Protein backbone atom coordinates (compact mmCIF):
# COMPACT_ATOMS: atom_id res chain seq x y z
CA MET A 1 27.44 31.59 -0.49
CA THR A 2 24.14 32.92 1.02
CA ARG A 3 21.89 31.61 -1.77
CA ARG A 4 23.34 28.12 -0.85
CA TRP A 5 22.38 28.45 2.76
CA LEU A 6 19.04 29.87 1.86
CA LEU A 7 18.22 26.97 -0.55
CA ALA A 8 19.47 24.43 2.05
CA ALA A 9 17.05 26.02 4.77
CA CYS A 10 14.06 25.78 2.39
CA LEU A 11 14.91 22.32 1.49
CA THR A 12 15.01 21.36 5.05
CA LEU A 13 11.64 22.86 5.93
CA VAL A 14 10.05 21.07 2.92
CA ALA A 15 11.56 17.85 4.05
CA GLY A 16 10.13 18.20 7.51
CA ALA A 17 6.71 18.92 6.11
CA ALA A 18 6.83 15.92 3.84
CA ALA A 19 7.84 13.70 6.97
CA ALA A 20 4.94 14.72 8.91
CA GLN A 21 2.38 13.34 6.66
CA SER A 22 0.94 10.12 7.53
CA TYR A 23 1.22 7.39 4.76
CA PRO A 24 -1.04 5.52 3.95
CA SER A 25 -4.16 7.73 4.72
CA ARG A 26 -6.61 5.09 3.66
CA PRO A 27 -6.86 1.31 3.78
CA ILE A 28 -4.36 -0.75 1.84
CA ARG A 29 -6.18 -2.68 -0.89
CA MET A 30 -4.52 -6.22 -1.74
CA ILE A 31 -5.81 -7.79 -4.79
CA VAL A 32 -6.13 -11.55 -5.09
CA PRO A 33 -6.67 -12.52 -8.53
CA PHE A 34 -8.99 -15.56 -7.65
CA SER A 35 -12.49 -15.93 -5.99
CA ALA A 36 -13.02 -15.90 -2.26
CA GLY A 37 -12.69 -19.37 -0.69
CA ALA A 38 -10.81 -20.57 -4.05
CA GLY A 39 -8.38 -22.56 -2.04
CA VAL A 40 -4.75 -21.97 -0.95
CA THR A 41 -4.25 -18.76 -3.03
CA ASP A 42 -7.18 -16.94 -1.18
CA ILE A 43 -6.12 -18.28 2.36
CA MET A 44 -2.51 -17.26 1.79
CA GLY A 45 -3.71 -13.85 0.67
CA ARG A 46 -5.76 -13.40 3.76
CA LEU A 47 -3.10 -14.57 6.04
CA VAL A 48 -0.53 -12.18 4.56
CA ALA A 49 -3.05 -9.18 4.85
CA GLN A 50 -3.64 -10.18 8.38
CA HIS A 51 -0.06 -10.03 9.17
CA LEU A 52 0.72 -6.82 7.28
CA SER A 53 -1.96 -5.15 8.99
CA VAL A 54 -0.50 -6.07 12.29
CA ALA A 55 3.22 -5.10 11.16
CA LEU A 56 2.10 -1.87 9.46
CA GLY A 57 -0.65 -0.74 11.94
CA GLN A 58 -2.94 -0.07 8.92
CA GLN A 59 -5.91 -1.87 7.65
CA VAL A 60 -5.53 -4.22 4.69
CA VAL A 61 -8.30 -5.12 2.91
CA VAL A 62 -8.42 -8.18 0.46
CA ASP A 63 -9.96 -7.53 -2.81
CA ASN A 64 -10.89 -10.66 -4.83
CA ARG A 65 -10.90 -10.19 -8.44
CA PRO A 66 -11.60 -13.66 -10.48
CA GLY A 67 -11.90 -14.08 -14.06
CA ALA A 68 -9.79 -15.04 -16.98
CA ALA A 69 -7.44 -17.20 -15.21
CA GLY A 70 -6.13 -14.57 -13.00
CA ILE A 71 -5.55 -11.85 -15.81
CA VAL A 72 -8.47 -9.49 -14.53
CA GLY A 73 -6.69 -9.21 -11.04
CA THR A 74 -3.33 -8.43 -12.59
CA GLU A 75 -4.65 -5.44 -14.66
CA PRO A 76 -4.57 -2.01 -13.48
CA PRO A 77 -7.81 -0.65 -11.42
């Protein structure tokens, strides 16, 4: 019985420490798979990034990655 209480106390302390961390600690990068100024896709991406920045209280940076009909922007960095 004592082990259970000790385990519960340890888990509570660990959860409190994890909740104290701020997320995200750096700007959020939003990848748009088309070139800047390419039309509706870029404009919508920038509008969404602006609204996300206000809603989350965190800077959202638009990263345009054109090429290969959008395939370059969908590959992992």
